[in-house]
Amino acid sequence: MDRLRFWNKYVIRILEFIAAPYSVLRRIYVQLILLSIVVYIIALVFVYYQGLDWISAIYAAVNVITTVGLYAPNINQMPSQEKLFLTIMILFTVGLFASMAQSLISTILNRNTWIDARARWRGKLMKGHYVLIGNTESILSAVRRLEVLGNDYVVVTSSKKLYEELKSDKVIFGDPQDENNLIAAGIQNANSAIIAMDDDSQTLLITLKVQKLNPPLTIVTMVKDSSLIDVFKTAGADIVIPYEDFMGRIMASAAISKNFAGIVYPSAEGDYSIGIFKVQKSIKLNQLPQGVIPIAILHNGKLDPYFTQETEVKPGEILFVLGDPSKFKDVSKIVE
């Protein structure tokens, strides 16, 4: 994993600077080569006519073509051939510098229009990254979480709003249903894909395409219609999140208990949730109600997962439990 991150973070950026189609350096390759040839020719003239050593001759040549003037041979003692050579070279370098300046200015002014091109070039070279596909705000939230965790990613979206919010060299602006955009995002070398479109039929189509392009890929999809979960799993999705149903469960559980911290496993029979309680009076873990089990105790700033039913939780400690959120009120009565 460290090698992949080194490749994505450092090697690709070096290659980008040198070889990418939009690279400033690549835009002036020809001029740099010609400039080197001119410096060599002028230095050769000084070696031949002025009798300078090569280091001094190169120094003199750079002075001449930049018109700095730190080195200037006596014009009255210069042979006519030397004057003619230098005149031609100076005229040539004036045009060469103008061409380089034009290329650099054009590159800098148009830099913002190449964000998409950078994302496509980098995406094709990346390995072991995450590809986020979609137009919903969930993609934005997922991106922010990946950034906090320090994971590499590329986004494919056709939402102008989302693109403007995420605008960087990690975002491809285009139709997520277009295979070319998926390939440009490096889907074939990616570790996982997150798919969250506005329409479930679009999400399903993209899931099928991603599965075809990279069968071993882990695919996480978000759907609005929970009845389609089996359809998506058949299509190749590894994890299917029914957004509306999931959010409804979270809000209901949060309403039942202020100690609710998140759903671990939603099912038709009931939700298994995490509860967090600040202990105000000592209890033993065997006093917890049925349907609730302890998973960790936080004390002195350290998380302790090792305990028995006889372990005593003391005031000031934090108790983490797993179970039916409807039982959390009973836990509160015991510890608070």
C-alpha atoms as a PDB file:
ATOM      1  CA  MET A   1       0.000   0.000   0.000  1.00  0.00           C
ATOM      2  CA  ASP A   2       2.900   2.358   0.804  1.00  0.00           C
ATOM      3  CA  ARG A   3       4.339   1.755  -2.669  1.00  0.00           C
ATOM      4  CA  LEU A   4       0.996   2.621  -4.265  1.00  0.00           C
ATOM      5  CA  ARG A   5       0.708   5.840  -2.273  1.00  0.00           C
ATOM      6  CA  PHE A   6       4.301   6.771  -3.177  1.00  0.00           C
ATOM      7  CA  TRP A   7       3.491   6.132  -6.850  1.00  0.00           C
ATOM      8  CA  ASN A   8       0.242   8.148  -6.735  1.00  0.00           C
ATOM      9  CA  LYS A   9       1.597  11.043  -4.690  1.00  0.00           C
ATOM     10  CA  TYR A  10       5.143  11.510  -5.942  1.00  0.00           C
ATOM     11  CA  VAL A  11       6.013   9.559  -9.106  1.00  0.00           C
ATOM     12  CA  ILE A  12       2.898  10.644 -11.020  1.00  0.00           C
ATOM     13  CA  ARG A  13       3.499  14.300 -10.154  1.00  0.00           C
ATOM     14  CA  ILE A  14       7.092  14.091 -11.408  1.00  0.00           C
ATOM     15  CA  LEU A  15       5.902  12.453 -14.631  1.00  0.00           C
ATOM     16  CA  GLU A  16       3.200  15.101 -14.901  1.00  0.00           C
ATOM     17  CA  PHE A  17       5.732  17.914 -14.674  1.00  0.00           C
ATOM     18  CA  ILE A  18       7.924  16.357 -17.356  1.00  0.00           C
ATOM     19  CA  ALA A  19       5.659  14.489 -19.757  1.00  0.00           C
ATOM     20  CA  ALA A  20       1.984  15.464 -19.407  1.00  0.00           C
ATOM     21  CA  PRO A  21       0.469  17.087 -22.541  1.00  0.00           C
ATOM     22  CA  TYR A  22      -0.392  20.222 -20.524  1.00  0.00           C
ATOM     23  CA  SER A  23       2.999  20.434 -18.781  1.00  0.00           C
ATOM     24  CA  VAL A  24       4.764  23.822 -18.927  1.00  0.00           C
ATOM     25  CA  LEU A  25       8.089  22.067 -19.440  1.00  0.00           C
ATOM     26  CA  ARG A  26       6.746  19.975 -22.290  1.00  0.00           C
ATOM     27  CA  ARG A  27       5.341  23.099 -23.965  1.00  0.00           C
ATOM     28  CA  ILE A  28       8.853  24.557 -24.313  1.00  0.00           C
ATOM     29  CA  TYR A  29      10.831  21.376 -25.016  1.00  0.00           C
ATOM     30  CA  VAL A  30      11.749  22.469 -28.544  1.00  0.00           C
ATOM     31  CA  GLN A  31      12.745  25.984 -27.483  1.00  0.00           C
ATOM     32  CA  LEU A  32      14.927  24.642 -24.668  1.00  0.00           C
ATOM     33  CA  ILE A  33      16.715  22.282 -27.044  1.00  0.00           C
ATOM     34  CA  LEU A  34      17.268  25.082 -29.579  1.00  0.00           C
ATOM     35  CA  LEU A  35      18.476  27.403 -26.820  1.00  0.00           C
ATOM     36  CA  SER A  36      21.012  24.798 -25.710  1.00  0.00           C
ATOM     37  CA  ILE A  37      22.261  24.493 -29.296  1.00  0.00           C
ATOM     38  CA  VAL A  38      22.597  28.286 -29.564  1.00  0.00           C
ATOM     39  CA  VAL A  39      24.575  28.479 -26.299  1.00  0.00           C
ATOM     40  CA  TYR A  40      26.867  25.729 -27.588  1.00  0.00           C
ATOM     41  CA  ILE A  41      27.455  27.461 -30.940  1.00  0.00           C
ATOM     42  CA  ILE A  42      28.194  30.850 -29.347  1.00  0.00           C
ATOM     43  CA  ALA A  43      30.505  29.196 -26.807  1.00  0.00           C
ATOM     44  CA  LEU A  44      32.270  27.445 -29.705  1.00  0.00           C
ATOM     45  CA  VAL A  45      32.756  30.818 -31.395  1.00  0.00           C
ATOM     46  CA  PHE A  46      34.342  32.253 -28.235  1.00  0.00           C
ATOM     47  CA  VAL A  47      36.571  29.212 -27.804  1.00  0.00           C
ATOM     48  CA  TYR A  48      37.762  29.496 -31.410  1.00  0.00           C
ATOM     49  CA  TYR A  49      38.099  33.279 -31.775  1.00  0.00           C
ATOM     50  CA  GLN A  50      38.690  34.494 -28.190  1.00  0.00           C
ATOM     51  CA  GLY A  51      40.673  31.501 -26.947  1.00  0.00           C
ATOM     52  CA  LEU A  52      38.453  31.041 -23.875  1.00  0.00           C
ATOM     53  CA  ASP A  53      38.155  27.765 -21.983  1.00  0.00           C
ATOM     54  CA  TRP A  54      34.769  26.002 -22.253  1.00  0.00           C
ATOM     55  CA  ILE A  55      33.417  27.089 -18.843  1.00  0.00           C
ATOM     56  CA  SER A  56      34.274  30.718 -19.569  1.00  0.00           C
ATOM     57  CA  ALA A  57      32.909  30.399 -23.100  1.00  0.00           C
ATOM     58  CA  ILE A  58      29.552  29.064 -21.880  1.00  0.00           C
ATOM     59  CA  TYR A  59      29.398  31.881 -19.306  1.00  0.00           C
ATOM     60  CA  ALA A  60      30.119  34.420 -22.061  1.00  0.00           C
ATOM     61  CA  ALA A  61      27.530  32.837 -24.371  1.00  0.00           C
ATOM     62  CA  VAL A  62      24.792  33.103 -21.732  1.00  0.00           C
ATOM     63  CA  ASN A  63      25.734  36.755 -21.201  1.00  0.00           C
ATOM     64  CA  VAL A  64      25.444  37.441 -24.920  1.00  0.00           C
ATOM     65  CA  ILE A  65      22.047  35.794 -25.525  1.00  0.00           C
ATOM     66  CA  THR A  66      20.535  37.330 -22.380  1.00  0.00           C
ATOM     67  CA  THR A  67      22.083  40.731 -23.173  1.00  0.00           C
ATOM     68  CA  VAL A  68      23.267  41.019 -19.559  1.00  0.00           C
ATOM     69  CA  GLY A  69      26.597  42.336 -20.791  1.00  0.00           C
ATOM     70  CA  LEU A  70      28.867  41.082 -18.027  1.00  0.00           C
ATOM     71  CA  TYR A  71      31.211  39.805 -20.736  1.00  0.00           C
ATOM     72  CA  ALA A  72      31.789  41.805 -23.919  1.00  0.00           C
ATOM     73  CA  PRO A  73      34.895  41.333 -26.092  1.00  0.00           C
ATOM     74  CA  ASN A  74      36.490  44.398 -27.664  1.00  0.00           C
ATOM     75  CA  ILE A  75      34.448  44.937 -30.821  1.00  0.00           C
ATOM     76  CA  ASN A  76      37.360  46.534 -32.655  1.00  0.00           C
ATOM     77  CA  GLN A  77      39.487  43.429 -32.132  1.00  0.00           C
ATOM     78  CA  MET A  78      36.785  40.930 -33.158  1.00  0.00           C
ATOM     79  CA  PRO A  79      37.162  39.271 -36.576  1.00  0.00           C
ATOM     80  CA  SER A  80      34.348  39.963 -39.052  1.00  0.00           C
ATOM     81  CA  GLN A  81      33.336  36.296 -39.115  1.00  0.00           C
ATOM     82  CA  GLU A  82      32.907  36.281 -35.325  1.00  0.00           C
ATOM     83  CA  LYS A  83      30.761  39.430 -35.480  1.00  0.00           C
ATOM     84  CA  LEU A  84      28.604  37.868 -38.217  1.00  0.00           C
ATOM     85  CA  PHE A  85      28.093  34.605 -36.282  1.00  0.00           C
ATOM     86  CA  LEU A  86      27.163  36.435 -33.081  1.00  0.00           C
ATOM     87  CA  THR A  87      24.774  38.811 -34.893  1.00  0.00           C
ATOM     88  CA  ILE A  88      22.888  35.890 -36.450  1.00  0.00           C
ATOM     89  CA  MET A  89      22.761  34.037 -33.120  1.00  0.00           C
ATOM     90  CA  ILE A  90      21.475  37.071 -31.200  1.00  0.00           C
ATOM     91  CA  LEU A  91      18.714  37.692 -33.769  1.00  0.00           C
ATOM     92  CA  PHE A  92      17.748  34.026 -33.575  1.00  0.00           C
ATOM     93  CA  THR A  93      17.626  33.999 -29.759  1.00  0.00           C
ATOM     94  CA  VAL A  94      15.408  37.116 -29.662  1.00  0.00           C
ATOM     95  CA  GLY A  95      12.768  35.187 -31.630  1.00  0.00           C
ATOM     96  CA  LEU A  96      13.414  32.099 -29.528  1.00  0.00           C
ATOM     97  CA  PHE A  97      12.849  33.989 -26.259  1.00  0.00           C
ATOM     98  CA  ALA A  98       9.659  35.537 -27.669  1.00  0.00           C
ATOM     99  CA  SER A  99       8.381  32.068 -28.576  1.00  0.00           C
ATOM    100  CA  MET A 100       9.185  30.720 -25.083  1.00  0.00           C
ATOM    101  CA  ALA A 101       7.488  33.672 -23.399  1.00  0.00           C
ATOM    102  CA  GLN A 102       4.371  33.200 -25.534  1.00  0.00           C
ATOM    103  CA  SER A 103       4.203  29.479 -24.692  1.00  0.00           C
ATOM    104  CA  LEU A 104       4.664  30.122 -20.977  1.00  0.00           C
ATOM    105  CA  ILE A 105       2.051  32.884 -20.834  1.00  0.00           C
ATOM    106  CA  SER A 106      -0.423  30.807 -22.826  1.00  0.00           C
ATOM    107  CA  THR A 107       0.137  27.847 -20.513  1.00  0.00           C
ATOM    108  CA  ILE A 108      -0.306  29.899 -17.342  1.00  0.00           C
ATOM    109  CA  LEU A 109      -3.422  31.717 -18.575  1.00  0.00           C
ATOM    110  CA  ASN A 110      -5.078  28.485 -19.673  1.00  0.00           C
ATOM    111  CA  ARG A 111      -4.043  26.483 -16.609  1.00  0.00           C
ATOM    112  CA  ASN A 112      -7.542  26.482 -15.102  1.00  0.00           C
ATOM    113  CA  THR A 113      -9.086  25.010 -18.237  1.00  0.00           C
ATOM    114  CA  TRP A 114      -6.788  21.992 -17.938  1.00  0.00           C
ATOM    115  CA  ILE A 115      -7.981  20.778 -14.537  1.00  0.00           C
ATOM    116  CA  ASP A 116     -10.077  18.101 -16.209  1.00  0.00           C
ATOM    117  CA  ALA A 117      -7.187  17.106 -18.489  1.00  0.00           C
ATOM    118  CA  ARG A 118      -4.887  16.761 -15.470  1.00  0.00           C
ATOM    119  CA  ALA A 119      -7.407  14.541 -13.672  1.00  0.00           C
ATOM    120  CA  ARG A 120      -7.730  12.291 -16.735  1.00  0.00           C
ATOM    121  CA  TRP A 121      -3.978  11.977 -17.234  1.00  0.00           C
ATOM    122  CA  ARG A 122      -3.288  11.311 -13.557  1.00  0.00           C
ATOM    123  CA  GLY A 123      -6.268   8.951 -13.189  1.00  0.00           C
ATOM    124  CA  LYS A 124      -4.998   6.632 -15.910  1.00  0.00           C
ATOM    125  CA  LEU A 125      -1.656   6.289 -14.128  1.00  0.00           C
ATOM    126  CA  MET A 126      -2.936   5.888 -10.574  1.00  0.00           C
ATOM    127  CA  LYS A 127      -3.098   2.510  -8.820  1.00  0.00           C
ATOM    128  CA  GLY A 128      -4.978   1.237  -5.775  1.00  0.00           C
ATOM    129  CA  HIS A 129      -7.030   4.420  -5.475  1.00  0.00           C
ATOM    130  CA  TYR A 130     -10.770   5.026  -5.031  1.00  0.00           C
ATOM    131  CA  VAL A 131     -13.073   6.108  -7.851  1.00  0.00           C
ATOM    132  CA  LEU A 132     -16.164   8.070  -6.819  1.00  0.00           C
ATOM    133  CA  ILE A 133     -18.885   8.217  -9.453  1.00  0.00           C
ATOM    134  CA  GLY A 134     -22.034  10.304  -9.195  1.00  0.00           C
ATOM    135  CA  ASN A 135     -23.838  13.600  -8.879  1.00  0.00           C
ATOM    136  CA  THR A 136     -25.137  13.538  -5.295  1.00  0.00           C
ATOM    137  CA  GLU A 137     -23.939  15.320  -2.167  1.00  0.00           C
ATOM    138  CA  SER A 138     -22.986  11.907  -0.808  1.00  0.00           C
ATOM    139  CA  ILE A 139     -20.013  11.960  -3.191  1.00  0.00           C
ATOM    140  CA  LEU A 140     -18.873  15.249  -1.660  1.00  0.00           C
ATOM    141  CA  SER A 141     -19.109  13.795   1.853  1.00  0.00           C
ATOM    142  CA  ALA A 142     -17.220  10.665   0.786  1.00  0.00           C
ATOM    143  CA  VAL A 143     -14.453  12.789  -0.771  1.00  0.00           C
ATOM    144  CA  ARG A 144     -13.992  14.791   2.410  1.00  0.00           C
ATOM    145  CA  ARG A 145     -13.785  11.594   4.446  1.00  0.00           C
ATOM    146  CA  LEU A 146     -11.186  10.077   2.100  1.00  0.00           C
ATOM    147  CA  GLU A 147      -9.114  13.241   2.363  1.00  0.00           C
ATOM    148  CA  VAL A 148      -9.198  13.084   6.164  1.00  0.00           C
ATOM    149  CA  LEU A 149      -8.062   9.454   5.973  1.00  0.00           C
ATOM    150  CA  GLY A 150      -5.328  10.364   3.467  1.00  0.00           C
ATOM    151  CA  ASN A 151      -6.584   8.114   0.644  1.00  0.00           C
ATOM    152  CA  ASP A 152      -6.067   8.789  -3.074  1.00  0.00           C
ATOM    153  CA  TYR A 153      -9.175   9.199  -5.218  1.00  0.00           C
ATOM    154  CA  VAL A 154     -10.608  10.417  -8.527  1.00  0.00           C
ATOM    155  CA  VAL A 155     -14.171  11.720  -8.955  1.00  0.00           C
ATOM    156  CA  VAL A 156     -16.292  11.377 -12.111  1.00  0.00           C
ATOM    157  CA  THR A 157     -19.321  13.681 -12.141  1.00  0.00           C
ATOM    158  CA  SER A 158     -21.568  15.510 -14.562  1.00  0.00           C
ATOM    159  CA  SER A 159     -22.858  17.841 -11.847  1.00  0.00           C
ATOM    160  CA  LYS A 160     -21.518  21.347 -12.435  1.00  0.00           C
ATOM    161  CA  LYS A 161     -22.257  22.274  -8.820  1.00  0.00           C
ATOM    162  CA  LEU A 162     -20.331  19.292  -7.486  1.00  0.00           C
ATOM    163  CA  TYR A 163     -17.491  19.929  -9.941  1.00  0.00           C
ATOM    164  CA  GLU A 164     -17.151  23.556  -8.826  1.00  0.00           C
ATOM    165  CA  GLU A 165     -17.091  22.557  -5.152  1.00  0.00           C
ATOM    166  CA  LEU A 166     -14.439  19.884  -5.726  1.00  0.00           C
ATOM    167  CA  LYS A 167     -12.536  21.647  -8.499  1.00  0.00           C
ATOM    168  CA  SER A 168      -9.091  20.068  -8.494  1.00  0.00           C
ATOM    169  CA  ASP A 169      -6.896  17.702 -10.479  1.00  0.00           C
ATOM    170  CA  LYS A 170      -8.828  14.817  -8.884  1.00  0.00           C
ATOM    171  CA  VAL A 171     -12.165  15.557 -10.587  1.00  0.00           C
ATOM    172  CA  ILE A 172     -13.240  14.536 -14.109  1.00  0.00           C
ATOM    173  CA  PHE A 173     -16.170  16.521 -15.460  1.00  0.00           C
ATOM    174  CA  GLY A 174     -18.147  14.245 -17.781  1.00  0.00           C
ATOM    175  CA  ASP A 175     -20.923  11.707 -18.119  1.00  0.00           C
ATOM    176  CA  PRO A 176     -20.377   8.971 -15.489  1.00  0.00           C
ATOM    177  CA  GLN A 177     -22.124   6.500 -17.824  1.00  0.00           C
ATOM    178  CA  ASP A 178     -19.424   6.978 -20.482  1.00  0.00           C
ATOM    179  CA  GLU A 179     -16.858   4.162 -20.259  1.00  0.00           C
ATOM    180  CA  ASN A 180     -14.128   6.495 -21.515  1.00  0.00           C
ATOM    181  CA  ASN A 181     -14.594   8.683 -18.438  1.00  0.00           C
ATOM    182  CA  LEU A 182     -14.462   5.638 -16.162  1.00  0.00           C
ATOM    183  CA  ILE A 183     -11.261   4.430 -17.828  1.00  0.00           C
ATOM    184  CA  ALA A 184      -9.778   7.937 -17.562  1.00  0.00           C
ATOM    185  CA  ALA A 185     -10.453   7.779 -13.808  1.00  0.00           C
ATOM    186  CA  GLY A 186      -8.293   4.647 -13.634  1.00  0.00           C
ATOM    187  CA  ILE A 187     -11.158   2.295 -12.827  1.00  0.00           C
ATOM    188  CA  GLN A 188      -9.158  -0.679 -14.116  1.00  0.00           C
ATOM    189  CA  ASN A 189      -6.416  -0.139 -11.513  1.00  0.00           C
ATOM    190  CA  ALA A 190      -8.624   1.138  -8.688  1.00  0.00           C
ATOM    191  CA  ASN A 191      -9.121  -0.478  -5.309  1.00  0.00           C
ATOM    192  CA  SER A 192     -12.801   0.412  -4.869  1.00  0.00           C
ATOM    193  CA  ALA A 193     -15.606   2.334  -6.542  1.00  0.00           C
ATOM    194  CA  ILE A 194     -18.362   4.364  -4.882  1.00  0.00           C
ATOM    195  CA  ILE A 195     -21.416   4.963  -7.078  1.00  0.00           C
ATOM    196  CA  ALA A 196     -24.182   7.412  -6.116  1.00  0.00           C
ATOM    197  CA  MET A 197     -26.316   8.788  -8.952  1.00  0.00           C
ATOM    198  CA  ASP A 198     -29.610  10.698  -8.725  1.00  0.00           C
ATOM    199  CA  ASP A 199     -31.437   7.879 -10.490  1.00  0.00           C
ATOM    200  CA  ASP A 200     -31.210   4.201  -9.478  1.00  0.00           C
ATOM    201  CA  SER A 201     -31.334   3.057 -13.111  1.00  0.00           C
ATOM    202  CA  GLN A 202     -28.219   5.133 -13.869  1.00  0.00           C
ATOM    203  CA  THR A 203     -26.488   3.733 -10.788  1.00  0.00           C
ATOM    204  CA  LEU A 204     -27.323   0.200 -11.952  1.00  0.00           C
ATOM    205  CA  LEU A 205     -25.975   0.820 -15.464  1.00  0.00           C
ATOM    206  CA  ILE A 206     -22.714   2.242 -14.107  1.00  0.00           C
ATOM    207  CA  THR A 207     -22.402  -0.683 -11.686  1.00  0.00           C
ATOM    208  CA  LEU A 208     -22.599  -3.115 -14.609  1.00  0.00           C
ATOM    209  CA  LYS A 209     -19.976  -1.164 -16.574  1.00  0.00           C
ATOM    210  CA  VAL A 210     -17.598  -0.936 -13.625  1.00  0.00           C
ATOM    211  CA  GLN A 211     -18.008  -4.650 -12.945  1.00  0.00           C
ATOM    212  CA  LYS A 212     -17.135  -5.374 -16.576  1.00  0.00           C
ATOM    213  CA  LEU A 213     -14.072  -3.112 -16.575  1.00  0.00           C
ATOM    214  CA  ASN A 214     -12.651  -4.408 -13.289  1.00  0.00           C
ATOM    215  CA  PRO A 215     -14.353  -7.560 -11.901  1.00  0.00           C
ATOM    216  CA  PRO A 216     -12.239  -7.837  -8.698  1.00  0.00           C
ATOM    217  CA  LEU A 217     -13.080  -4.236  -7.757  1.00  0.00           C
ATOM    218  CA  THR A 218     -15.047  -3.613  -4.540  1.00  0.00           C
ATOM    219  CA  ILE A 219     -18.209  -1.736  -5.526  1.00  0.00           C
ATOM    220  CA  VAL A 220     -20.225   0.321  -3.046  1.00  0.00           C
ATOM    221  CA  THR A 221     -23.527   1.715  -4.343  1.00  0.00           C
ATOM    222  CA  MET A 222     -26.171   3.996  -2.910  1.00  0.00           C
ATOM    223  CA  VAL A 223     -29.808   3.374  -3.945  1.00  0.00           C
ATOM    224  CA  LYS A 224     -33.036   5.159  -3.146  1.00  0.00           C
ATOM    225  CA  ASP A 225     -35.322   2.162  -3.621  1.00  0.00           C
ATOM    226  CA  SER A 226     -34.449  -0.491  -1.031  1.00  0.00           C
ATOM    227  CA  SER A 227     -36.347  -3.141  -3.031  1.00  0.00           C
ATOM    228  CA  LEU A 228     -33.521  -3.029  -5.602  1.00  0.00           C
ATOM    229  CA  ILE A 229     -30.813  -4.249  -3.217  1.00  0.00           C
ATOM    230  CA  ASP A 230     -30.837  -7.813  -4.576  1.00  0.00           C
ATOM    231  CA  VAL A 231     -30.802  -6.505  -8.159  1.00  0.00           C
ATOM    232  CA  PHE A 232     -27.671  -4.465  -7.463  1.00  0.00           C
ATOM    233  CA  LYS A 233     -25.923  -7.349  -5.736  1.00  0.00           C
ATOM    234  CA  THR A 234     -26.667  -9.535  -8.750  1.00  0.00           C
ATOM    235  CA  ALA A 235     -25.190  -6.800 -10.960  1.00  0.00           C
ATOM    236  CA  GLY A 236     -21.916  -6.964  -9.035  1.00  0.00           C
ATOM    237  CA  ALA A 237     -22.262  -4.483  -6.160  1.00  0.00           C
ATOM    238  CA  ASP A 238     -20.528  -5.704  -3.009  1.00  0.00           C
ATOM    239  CA  ILE A 239     -22.232  -3.266  -0.649  1.00  0.00           C
ATOM    240  CA  VAL A 240     -25.606  -1.648  -1.336  1.00  0.00           C
ATOM    241  CA  ILE A 241     -26.718   1.221   0.901  1.00  0.00           C
ATOM    242  CA  PRO A 242     -30.461   2.097   0.743  1.00  0.00           C
ATOM    243  CA  TYR A 243     -30.040   5.799   1.461  1.00  0.00           C
ATOM    244  CA  GLU A 244     -33.593   6.872   2.313  1.00  0.00           C
ATOM    245  CA  ASP A 245     -34.256   3.790   4.423  1.00  0.00           C
ATOM    246  CA  PHE A 246     -30.890   4.054   6.132  1.00  0.00           C
ATOM    247  CA  MET A 247     -31.321   7.742   6.993  1.00  0.00           C
ATOM    248  CA  GLY A 248     -34.827   7.058   8.288  1.00  0.00           C
ATOM    249  CA  ARG A 249     -33.498   4.364  10.608  1.00  0.00           C
ATOM    250  CA  ILE A 250     -30.759   6.663  11.869  1.00  0.00           C
ATOM    251  CA  MET A 251     -33.157   9.515  12.607  1.00  0.00           C
ATOM    252  CA  ALA A 252     -35.641   7.205  14.340  1.00  0.00           C
ATOM    253  CA  SER A 253     -32.889   5.653  16.474  1.00  0.00           C
ATOM    254  CA  ALA A 254     -31.518   9.099  17.359  1.00  0.00           C
ATOM    255  CA  ALA A 255     -35.008  10.189  18.403  1.00  0.00           C
ATOM    256  CA  ILE A 256     -35.380   7.150  20.653  1.00  0.00           C
ATOM    257  CA  SER A 257     -32.114   7.781  22.490  1.00  0.00           C
ATOM    258  CA  LYS A 258     -29.759  10.750  22.748  1.00  0.00           C
ATOM    259  CA  ASN A 259     -26.960   8.214  23.325  1.00  0.00           C
ATOM    260  CA  PHE A 260     -27.299   6.816  19.797  1.00  0.00           C
ATOM    261  CA  ALA A 261     -24.003   7.018  17.857  1.00  0.00           C
ATOM    262  CA  GLY A 262     -24.606   5.024  14.670  1.00  0.00           C
ATOM    263  CA  ILE A 263     -26.077   1.929  13.072  1.00  0.00           C
ATOM    264  CA  VAL A 264     -23.789  -1.068  12.752  1.00  0.00           C
ATOM    265  CA  TYR A 265     -26.159  -3.441  11.024  1.00  0.00           C
ATOM    266  CA  PRO A 266     -29.679  -2.587   9.789  1.00  0.00           C
ATOM    267  CA  SER A 267     -32.074  -5.513   9.239  1.00  0.00           C
ATOM    268  CA  ALA A 268     -35.790  -6.229   8.934  1.00  0.00           C
ATOM    269  CA  GLU A 269     -35.843  -7.659  12.474  1.00  0.00           C
ATOM    270  CA  GLY A 270     -34.195  -4.620  14.026  1.00  0.00           C
ATOM    271  CA  ASP A 271     -31.165  -2.362  13.992  1.00  0.00           C
ATOM    272  CA  TYR A 272     -27.981  -3.044  15.903  1.00  0.00           C
ATOM    273  CA  SER A 273     -26.623   0.323  16.966  1.00  0.00           C
ATOM    274  CA  ILE A 274     -23.762   1.787  18.958  1.00  0.00           C
ATOM    275  CA  GLY A 275     -24.560   3.751  22.102  1.00  0.00           C
ATOM    276  CA  ILE A 276     -22.196   6.017  24.044  1.00  0.00           C
ATOM    277  CA  PHE A 277     -22.748   6.745  27.726  1.00  0.00           C
ATOM    278  CA  LYS A 278     -20.856   8.962  30.157  1.00  0.00           C
ATOM    279  CA  VAL A 279     -20.947   7.016  33.409  1.00  0.00           C
ATOM    280  CA  GLN A 280     -21.972   9.015  36.471  1.00  0.00           C
ATOM    281  CA  LYS A 281     -22.334   6.178  38.976  1.00  0.00           C
ATOM    282  CA  SER A 282     -20.443   2.915  39.306  1.00  0.00           C
ATOM    283  CA  ILE A 283     -21.986  -0.226  37.824  1.00  0.00           C
ATOM    284  CA  LYS A 284     -20.841  -3.694  36.916  1.00  0.00           C
ATOM    285  CA  LEU A 285     -21.230  -4.723  33.296  1.00  0.00           C
ATOM    286  CA  ASN A 286     -23.472  -7.647  34.258  1.00  0.00           C
ATOM    287  CA  GLN A 287     -26.086  -5.057  35.288  1.00  0.00           C
ATOM    288  CA  LEU A 288     -26.682  -4.008  31.680  1.00  0.00           C
ATOM    289  CA  PRO A 289     -30.133  -4.952  30.315  1.00  0.00           C
ATOM    290  CA  GLN A 290     -30.592  -7.864  27.913  1.00  0.00           C
ATOM    291  CA  GLY A 291     -30.171  -6.932  24.270  1.00  0.00           C
ATOM    292  CA  VAL A 292     -27.218  -4.641  25.040  1.00  0.00           C
ATOM    293  CA  ILE A 293     -23.580  -5.752  25.237  1.00  0.00           C
ATOM    294  CA  PRO A 294     -20.484  -3.681  26.166  1.00  0.00           C
ATOM    295  CA  ILE A 295     -17.833  -3.275  23.464  1.00  0.00           C
ATOM    296  CA  ALA A 296     -15.293  -0.875  25.044  1.00  0.00           C
ATOM    297  CA  ILE A 297     -14.559   1.398  28.006  1.00  0.00           C
ATOM    298  CA  LEU A 298     -12.754   4.726  27.702  1.00  0.00           C
ATOM    299  CA  HIS A 299     -10.781   5.726  30.777  1.00  0.00           C
ATOM    300  CA  ASN A 300      -7.757   7.993  31.231  1.00  0.00           C
ATOM    301  CA  GLY A 301      -7.940   8.794  27.521  1.00  0.00           C
ATOM    302  CA  LYS A 302      -7.387   5.168  26.519  1.00  0.00           C
ATOM    303  CA  LEU A 303      -9.842   2.755  24.914  1.00  0.00           C
ATOM    304  CA  ASP A 304      -9.981  -0.567  26.754  1.00  0.00           C
ATOM    305  CA  PRO A 305     -11.687  -3.492  24.970  1.00  0.00           C
ATOM    306  CA  TYR A 306     -10.642  -6.035  27.606  1.00  0.00           C
ATOM    307  CA  PHE A 307     -13.140  -6.706  30.403  1.00  0.00           C
ATOM    308  CA  THR A 308     -15.430  -9.325  31.987  1.00  0.00           C
ATOM    309  CA  GLN A 309     -19.011  -9.274  33.219  1.00  0.00           C
ATOM    310  CA  GLU A 310     -17.665  -8.480  36.669  1.00  0.00           C
ATOM    311  CA  THR A 311     -15.740  -5.408  35.446  1.00  0.00           C
ATOM    312  CA  GLU A 312     -16.805  -2.234  37.219  1.00  0.00           C
ATOM    313  CA  VAL A 313     -17.297   0.954  35.214  1.00  0.00           C
ATOM    314  CA  LYS A 314     -16.533   4.021  37.304  1.00  0.00           C
ATOM    315  CA  PRO A 315     -17.803   7.624  37.211  1.00  0.00           C
ATOM    316  CA  GLY A 316     -16.101   9.746  34.550  1.00  0.00           C
ATOM    317  CA  GLU A 317     -15.487   6.810  32.247  1.00  0.00           C
ATOM    318  CA  ILE A 318     -17.192   6.389  28.871  1.00  0.00           C
ATOM    319  CA  LEU A 319     -19.047   3.172  28.086  1.00  0.00           C
ATOM    320  CA  PHE A 320     -19.572   1.997  24.492  1.00  0.00           C
ATOM    321  CA  VAL A 321     -22.326  -0.559  23.934  1.00  0.00           C
ATOM    322  CA  LEU A 322     -23.873  -2.422  21.015  1.00  0.00           C
ATOM    323  CA  GLY A 323     -27.513  -3.381  20.821  1.00  0.00           C
ATOM    324  CA  ASP A 324     -31.134  -2.409  20.287  1.00  0.00           C
ATOM    325  CA  PRO A 325     -31.410   1.414  20.537  1.00  0.00           C
ATOM    326  CA  SER A 326     -34.782   1.055  22.259  1.00  0.00           C
ATOM    327  CA  LYS A 327     -32.863  -0.403  25.238  1.00  0.00           C
ATOM    328  CA  PHE A 328     -30.531   2.595  25.539  1.00  0.00           C
ATOM    329  CA  LYS A 329     -32.929   4.432  27.862  1.00  0.00           C
ATOM    330  CA  ASP A 330     -32.642   1.554  30.336  1.00  0.00           C
ATOM    331  CA  VAL A 331     -28.851   1.826  30.145  1.00  0.00           C
ATOM    332  CA  SER A 332     -29.073   5.564  30.817  1.00  0.00           C
ATOM    333  CA  LYS A 333     -31.088   4.950  33.993  1.00  0.00           C
ATOM    334  CA  ILE A 334     -28.396   2.629  35.288  1.00  0.00           C
ATOM    335  CA  VAL A 335     -25.284   4.700  34.532  1.00  0.00           C
ATOM    336  CA  GLU A 336     -26.511   8.293  34.764  1.00  0.00           C
END
